[in-house]
Amino acid sequence: MRNLTLKQLRYFEALAQQGHFGRAAEVCAISQPALSMQIKELENSLGAPLFERGPRQVRLTDFGESFADRVRDILRSVDELGDLARASVGQLAGQMRIGVIPTIGPYLLPKIISELKRAYPSLDLHVRETVTSRLIAELAEGRIDMAILALPVSEPSLEEVPLFDEEFVLIRPAADADKPVPDREMLREMRVLLLEEGHCFRDQALSFCNLQGRQPRELLEGSSLSTLVQLVSAGIGVTLIPEMAVPVETRSAAVAVSHFAGPEPRRTVGMVWRRTSPLASQLQKLASIVRQIGEG
């Protein structure tokens, strides 16, 4: 067997993740024929097929599944060598891959990026926005360095650092501004708009409203907080959003913002990273910066 190259392994991982030659080639910034050739050479070197080719997608063979597990370990180790070199600098510099959930990203990231560019001009930020479960998987696979999300995540392999707490507020049609703020039991009888499955904020809102395991009178779903607020503005129902989202999401909507009576629903925003990351000291510095921004 000829020596395998890291380039081939990265191409293999992209194709395994995407399940499609065209999308994988786009991720790798190469042409589809070039990717196909590299994968074929890899399979010839190994003496066994890694993928089953279909007309619209490809899928891993049994051998490909086992190979993929080893490849992820190898690539993660290689990436950690790069992290070790970055850690030796002792300051925030070089590439930093940040993950963030959608109910935090649009509201906190602009301030974070602005501050980091000012304080650390040599820092090269790469941002990935997706739901918590995917961020945790990508952290484990070494595809991002850290993530900003709602705690706890309760993953033994990850370091959790609480940053700040924030309240959830009730968004109602503007015409309801003078009405009493509903309590949990009253919310159960209202048309509640929530994010779709997969968002941790949905689960937190369901828990506060005592809607878990039971169907409210009507429960509508949206793909973003912006959609939910605009639906409320149209008089369709009510929703909950994190306080950091209020200035952005309510500026062009005819809605009323109300605070619940105590104990208020809230979440803890924090950072997580791999316990084995050589960048731990730099990530602690980054956590301090994000904490100051969040608390400010």
Protein backbone atom coordinates (compact mmCIF):
# COMPACT_ATOMS: atom_id res chain seq x y z
CA MET A 1 0.00 0.00 0.00
CA ARG A 2 1.38 3.37 -1.00
CA ASN A 3 1.62 6.12 1.58
CA LEU A 4 -1.66 7.90 2.09
CA THR A 5 -1.68 11.70 2.08
CA LEU A 6 -3.39 14.07 4.48
CA LYS A 7 -4.97 15.74 1.47
CA GLN A 8 -6.63 12.47 0.49
CA LEU A 9 -7.86 11.94 4.03
CA ARG A 10 -9.39 15.42 4.16
CA TYR A 11 -11.08 14.84 0.81
CA PHE A 12 -12.38 11.51 2.09
CA GLU A 13 -13.77 13.14 5.25
CA ALA A 14 -15.51 15.85 3.21
CA LEU A 15 -17.16 13.27 0.96
CA ALA A 16 -18.16 11.14 3.95
CA GLN A 17 -19.76 14.21 5.55
CA GLN A 18 -21.49 15.54 2.44
CA GLY A 19 -22.52 12.29 0.79
CA HIS A 20 -22.24 13.98 -2.59
CA PHE A 21 -19.23 14.55 -4.87
CA GLY A 22 -20.34 18.00 -5.99
CA ARG A 23 -20.91 19.36 -2.48
CA ALA A 24 -17.71 17.75 -1.17
CA ALA A 25 -15.69 19.27 -4.03
CA GLU A 26 -17.16 22.67 -3.19
CA VAL A 27 -16.20 22.30 0.48
CA CYS A 28 -12.67 21.31 -0.54
CA ALA A 29 -12.43 24.10 -3.13
CA ILE A 30 -11.42 21.72 -5.92
CA SER A 31 -13.15 20.45 -9.05
CA GLN A 32 -15.42 17.42 -8.87
CA PRO A 33 -13.29 15.35 -11.28
CA ALA A 34 -10.18 16.10 -9.19
CA LEU A 35 -11.95 14.98 -6.02
CA SER A 36 -13.23 11.84 -7.70
CA MET A 37 -9.72 11.00 -8.89
CA GLN A 38 -8.23 11.47 -5.41
CA ILE A 39 -10.89 9.24 -3.83
CA LYS A 40 -10.32 6.58 -6.47
CA GLU A 41 -6.57 6.67 -5.86
CA LEU A 42 -7.21 6.34 -2.13
CA GLU A 43 -9.43 3.29 -2.69
CA ASN A 44 -6.83 1.74 -5.01
CA SER A 45 -4.15 2.27 -2.37
CA LEU A 46 -6.31 0.59 0.26
CA GLY A 47 -7.44 -2.20 -2.04
CA ALA A 48 -11.09 -1.84 -1.06
CA PRO A 49 -14.00 0.49 -1.91
CA LEU A 50 -14.83 3.19 0.61
CA PHE A 51 -18.09 4.38 -0.95
CA GLU A 52 -21.14 2.98 -2.68
CA ARG A 53 -21.83 5.26 -5.64
CA GLY A 54 -25.47 6.06 -6.37
CA PRO A 55 -26.97 8.31 -9.04
CA ARG A 56 -27.62 11.14 -6.58
CA GLN A 57 -25.52 10.41 -3.52
CA VAL A 58 -22.75 8.25 -2.20
CA ARG A 59 -22.65 6.35 1.07
CA LEU A 60 -19.89 4.68 3.04
CA THR A 61 -19.32 0.96 2.75
CA ASP A 62 -18.87 -1.08 5.94
CA PHE A 63 -15.13 -0.72 5.48
CA GLY A 64 -15.59 2.99 4.77
CA GLU A 65 -17.42 3.43 8.10
CA SER A 66 -14.54 1.84 10.02
CA PHE A 67 -12.00 3.81 7.99
CA ALA A 68 -13.88 7.07 8.69
CA ASP A 69 -13.54 6.59 12.47
CA ARG A 70 -9.77 6.26 12.16
CA VAL A 71 -9.51 9.16 9.74
CA ARG A 72 -11.32 11.50 12.14
CA ASP A 73 -8.91 10.55 14.91
CA ILE A 74 -5.92 11.15 12.62
CA LEU A 75 -7.14 14.51 11.36
CA ARG A 76 -8.05 15.65 14.87
CA SER A 77 -4.54 14.76 16.04
CA VAL A 78 -3.00 16.64 13.12
CA ASP A 79 -5.16 19.68 13.86
CA GLU A 80 -4.10 19.56 17.51
CA LEU A 81 -0.47 19.75 16.39
CA GLY A 82 -1.38 23.03 14.76
CA ASP A 83 -3.17 24.07 17.94
CA LEU A 84 -0.03 23.25 19.91
CA ALA A 85 1.98 25.57 17.69
CA ARG A 86 -0.59 28.33 18.11
CA ALA A 87 -0.63 27.79 21.86
CA SER A 88 3.14 28.27 22.02
CA VAL A 89 2.67 31.87 20.87
CA GLY A 90 0.90 32.55 24.16
CA GLN A 91 -1.62 35.03 22.78
CA LEU A 92 -4.75 35.12 20.68
CA ALA A 93 -3.37 34.85 17.14
CA GLY A 94 -3.79 32.73 14.03
CA GLN A 95 -6.92 30.85 13.09
CA MET A 96 -9.73 30.49 15.62
CA ARG A 97 -12.79 28.42 14.65
CA ILE A 98 -15.83 29.57 16.62
CA GLY A 99 -19.15 27.77 16.77
CA VAL A 100 -22.32 29.50 17.96
CA ILE A 101 -26.02 28.65 18.20
CA PRO A 102 -28.53 30.68 16.12
CA THR A 103 -30.23 32.24 19.16
CA ILE A 104 -26.92 33.84 20.17
CA GLY A 105 -24.95 34.38 16.96
CA PRO A 106 -26.72 37.37 15.34
CA TYR A 107 -26.90 39.31 18.62
CA LEU A 108 -23.56 38.66 20.31
CA LEU A 109 -21.13 37.85 17.49
CA PRO A 110 -20.92 41.35 15.94
CA LYS A 111 -19.74 42.78 19.28
CA ILE A 112 -17.34 39.88 19.87
CA ILE A 113 -15.80 40.10 16.40
CA SER A 114 -15.46 43.88 16.60
CA GLU A 115 -13.69 43.67 19.96
CA LEU A 116 -11.39 40.83 18.92
CA LYS A 117 -10.38 42.59 15.70
CA ARG A 118 -9.51 45.66 17.72
CA ALA A 119 -7.60 43.86 20.47
CA TYR A 120 -6.07 41.01 18.43
CA PRO A 121 -5.62 42.09 14.80
CA SER A 122 -3.64 38.95 13.94
CA LEU A 123 -6.53 36.66 14.97
CA ASP A 124 -8.18 34.95 11.98
CA LEU A 125 -11.78 34.17 12.95
CA HIS A 126 -13.87 31.48 11.27
CA VAL A 127 -17.51 31.28 12.40
CA ARG A 128 -19.87 28.32 12.23
CA GLU A 129 -23.53 28.79 13.23
CA THR A 130 -25.69 25.73 13.87
CA VAL A 131 -27.67 23.97 16.59
CA THR A 132 -26.13 22.66 19.81
CA SER A 133 -26.04 18.96 18.88
CA ARG A 134 -24.06 19.67 15.71
CA LEU A 135 -21.65 22.00 17.47
CA ILE A 136 -20.89 19.33 20.07
CA ALA A 137 -20.27 16.77 17.33
CA GLU A 138 -18.00 19.16 15.43
CA LEU A 139 -16.07 19.95 18.61
CA ALA A 140 -15.52 16.24 19.20
CA GLU A 141 -14.31 15.82 15.63
CA GLY A 142 -11.94 18.81 15.90
CA ARG A 143 -13.69 20.86 13.23
CA ILE A 144 -14.18 23.85 15.52
CA ASP A 145 -12.07 25.08 18.45
CA MET A 146 -14.84 26.25 20.77
CA ALA A 147 -18.55 26.99 20.88
CA ILE A 148 -20.77 29.62 22.47
CA LEU A 149 -24.09 28.13 23.52
CA ALA A 150 -26.51 27.58 26.39
CA LEU A 151 -25.23 25.52 29.32
CA PRO A 152 -25.15 22.86 30.50
CA VAL A 153 -24.17 20.47 27.72
CA SER A 154 -23.00 17.75 30.14
CA GLU A 155 -20.36 16.22 27.89
CA PRO A 156 -17.46 14.76 29.96
CA SER A 157 -14.97 15.47 27.16
CA LEU A 158 -15.80 19.20 27.10
CA GLU A 159 -14.79 22.03 29.41
CA GLU A 160 -17.75 24.27 30.28
CA VAL A 161 -17.22 27.91 31.27
CA PRO A 162 -20.31 29.92 32.29
CA LEU A 163 -20.22 33.49 30.96
CA PHE A 164 -23.45 35.25 31.94
CA ASP A 165 -27.16 34.67 32.54
CA GLU A 166 -29.91 36.28 30.54
CA GLU A 167 -33.66 36.50 30.89
CA PHE A 168 -36.30 35.37 28.40
CA VAL A 169 -38.97 37.97 27.60
CA LEU A 170 -42.50 37.65 26.30
CA ILE A 171 -43.30 39.08 22.87
CA ARG A 172 -46.98 39.98 22.33
CA PRO A 173 -48.87 41.97 19.69
CA ALA A 174 -48.58 45.69 20.38
CA ALA A 175 -52.32 45.84 21.10
CA ASP A 176 -51.78 43.61 24.15
CA ALA A 177 -49.18 45.89 25.75
CA ASP A 178 -51.49 47.00 28.58
CA LYS A 179 -52.81 43.54 29.41
CA PRO A 180 -51.50 41.64 32.45
CA VAL A 181 -48.44 39.50 31.75
CA PRO A 182 -49.61 35.87 31.56
CA ASP A 183 -48.17 33.29 33.92
CA ARG A 184 -47.21 29.74 32.95
CA GLU A 185 -50.74 28.37 33.25
CA MET A 186 -52.16 31.17 31.12
CA LEU A 187 -49.51 30.53 28.44
CA ARG A 188 -50.74 26.95 28.17
CA GLU A 189 -54.03 28.31 26.85
CA MET A 190 -52.45 30.69 24.34
CA ARG A 191 -51.15 30.25 20.83
CA VAL A 192 -47.41 29.87 21.49
CA LEU A 193 -44.86 30.24 18.71
CA LEU A 194 -41.62 28.28 19.16
CA LEU A 195 -38.51 27.43 17.21
CA GLU A 196 -38.57 24.13 15.34
CA GLU A 197 -37.09 20.89 16.69
CA GLY A 198 -33.34 20.87 17.29
CA HIS A 199 -33.02 24.28 18.93
CA CYS A 200 -32.19 24.17 22.64
CA PHE A 201 -34.07 27.46 23.12
CA ARG A 202 -37.25 25.65 22.06
CA ASP A 203 -36.75 23.11 24.84
CA GLN A 204 -36.10 25.85 27.39
CA ALA A 205 -39.27 27.71 26.38
CA LEU A 206 -41.32 24.52 26.45
CA SER A 207 -40.06 23.77 29.93
CA PHE A 208 -40.95 27.23 31.25
CA CYS A 209 -44.42 27.12 29.71
CA ASN A 210 -45.06 23.61 31.10
CA LEU A 211 -45.78 22.39 27.58
CA GLN A 212 -43.45 19.37 27.55
CA GLY A 213 -45.30 16.13 27.01
CA ARG A 214 -48.62 17.91 26.42
CA GLN A 215 -50.14 19.61 23.44
CA PRO A 216 -51.18 23.26 23.94
CA ARG A 217 -54.26 24.56 22.21
CA GLU A 218 -52.13 25.59 19.27
CA LEU A 219 -48.37 25.37 18.89
CA LEU A 220 -46.74 26.97 15.86
CA GLU A 221 -43.09 26.59 14.83
CA GLY A 222 -40.61 28.82 13.03
CA SER A 223 -37.06 28.44 11.83
CA SER A 224 -35.74 31.67 13.40
CA LEU A 225 -36.51 34.20 16.10
CA SER A 226 -37.07 36.79 13.35
CA THR A 227 -39.88 34.69 11.89
CA LEU A 228 -41.51 34.20 15.29
CA VAL A 229 -41.47 37.91 16.13
CA GLN A 230 -42.92 38.89 12.76
CA LEU A 231 -45.70 36.33 13.19
CA VAL A 232 -46.50 37.84 16.58
CA SER A 233 -46.54 41.28 14.94
CA ALA A 234 -49.14 39.93 12.53
CA GLY A 235 -51.33 38.93 15.47
CA ILE A 236 -50.87 35.18 15.18
CA GLY A 237 -49.74 34.44 18.74
CA VAL A 238 -47.08 35.10 21.36
CA THR A 239 -43.50 33.94 21.74
CA LEU A 240 -40.47 34.02 24.02
CA ILE A 241 -37.07 35.33 22.96
CA PRO A 242 -33.78 35.90 24.81
CA GLU A 243 -33.26 39.46 26.01
CA MET A 244 -30.16 39.95 23.82
CA ALA A 245 -32.38 39.50 20.75
CA VAL A 246 -34.85 42.26 21.64
CA PRO A 247 -33.06 45.29 20.06
CA VAL A 248 -32.58 43.48 16.75
CA GLU A 249 -35.81 41.55 16.41
CA THR A 250 -38.35 44.11 17.65
CA ARG A 251 -37.12 47.25 15.92
CA SER A 252 -39.37 46.74 12.87
CA ALA A 253 -42.20 44.79 14.47
CA ALA A 254 -45.44 46.00 16.05
CA VAL A 255 -44.97 44.05 19.26
CA ALA A 256 -44.86 44.61 23.00
CA VAL A 257 -42.00 43.33 25.14
CA SER A 258 -42.97 42.13 28.62
CA HIS A 259 -40.98 40.70 31.52
CA PHE A 260 -42.34 37.79 33.50
CA ALA A 261 -42.86 37.95 37.24
CA GLY A 262 -40.20 36.04 39.19
CA PRO A 263 -38.80 33.55 38.95
CA GLU A 264 -38.10 34.69 35.40
CA PRO A 265 -37.20 32.14 32.74
CA ARG A 266 -33.52 32.47 31.90
CA ARG A 267 -30.54 30.66 30.43
CA THR A 268 -26.83 30.52 31.13
CA VAL A 269 -24.68 31.42 28.12
CA GLY A 270 -21.27 29.79 28.16
CA MET A 271 -18.30 28.56 26.18
CA VAL A 272 -17.21 24.97 25.71
CA TRP A 273 -14.09 23.39 24.25
CA ARG A 274 -12.31 20.05 24.32
CA ARG A 275 -10.58 19.33 27.61
CA THR A 276 -7.57 18.12 25.60
CA SER A 277 -7.27 21.33 23.55
CA PRO A 278 -3.79 22.89 23.65
CA LEU A 279 -5.54 26.24 23.19
CA ALA A 280 -7.15 26.16 26.65
CA SER A 281 -5.27 29.23 27.98
CA GLN A 282 -6.15 31.28 24.87
CA LEU A 283 -9.76 30.14 25.08
CA GLN A 284 -9.91 31.25 28.71
CA LYS A 285 -8.81 34.73 27.56
CA LEU A 286 -11.49 34.66 24.88
CA ALA A 287 -14.09 33.61 27.45
CA SER A 288 -13.19 36.62 29.60
CA ILE A 289 -13.72 38.95 26.65
CA VAL A 290 -17.09 37.40 25.76
CA ARG A 291 -18.16 37.57 29.41
CA GLN A 292 -17.43 41.30 29.58
CA ILE A 293 -19.36 41.90 26.37
CA GLY A 294 -22.32 39.82 27.55
CA GLU A 295 -22.50 41.45 30.94
CA GLY A 296 -22.14 44.91 29.43
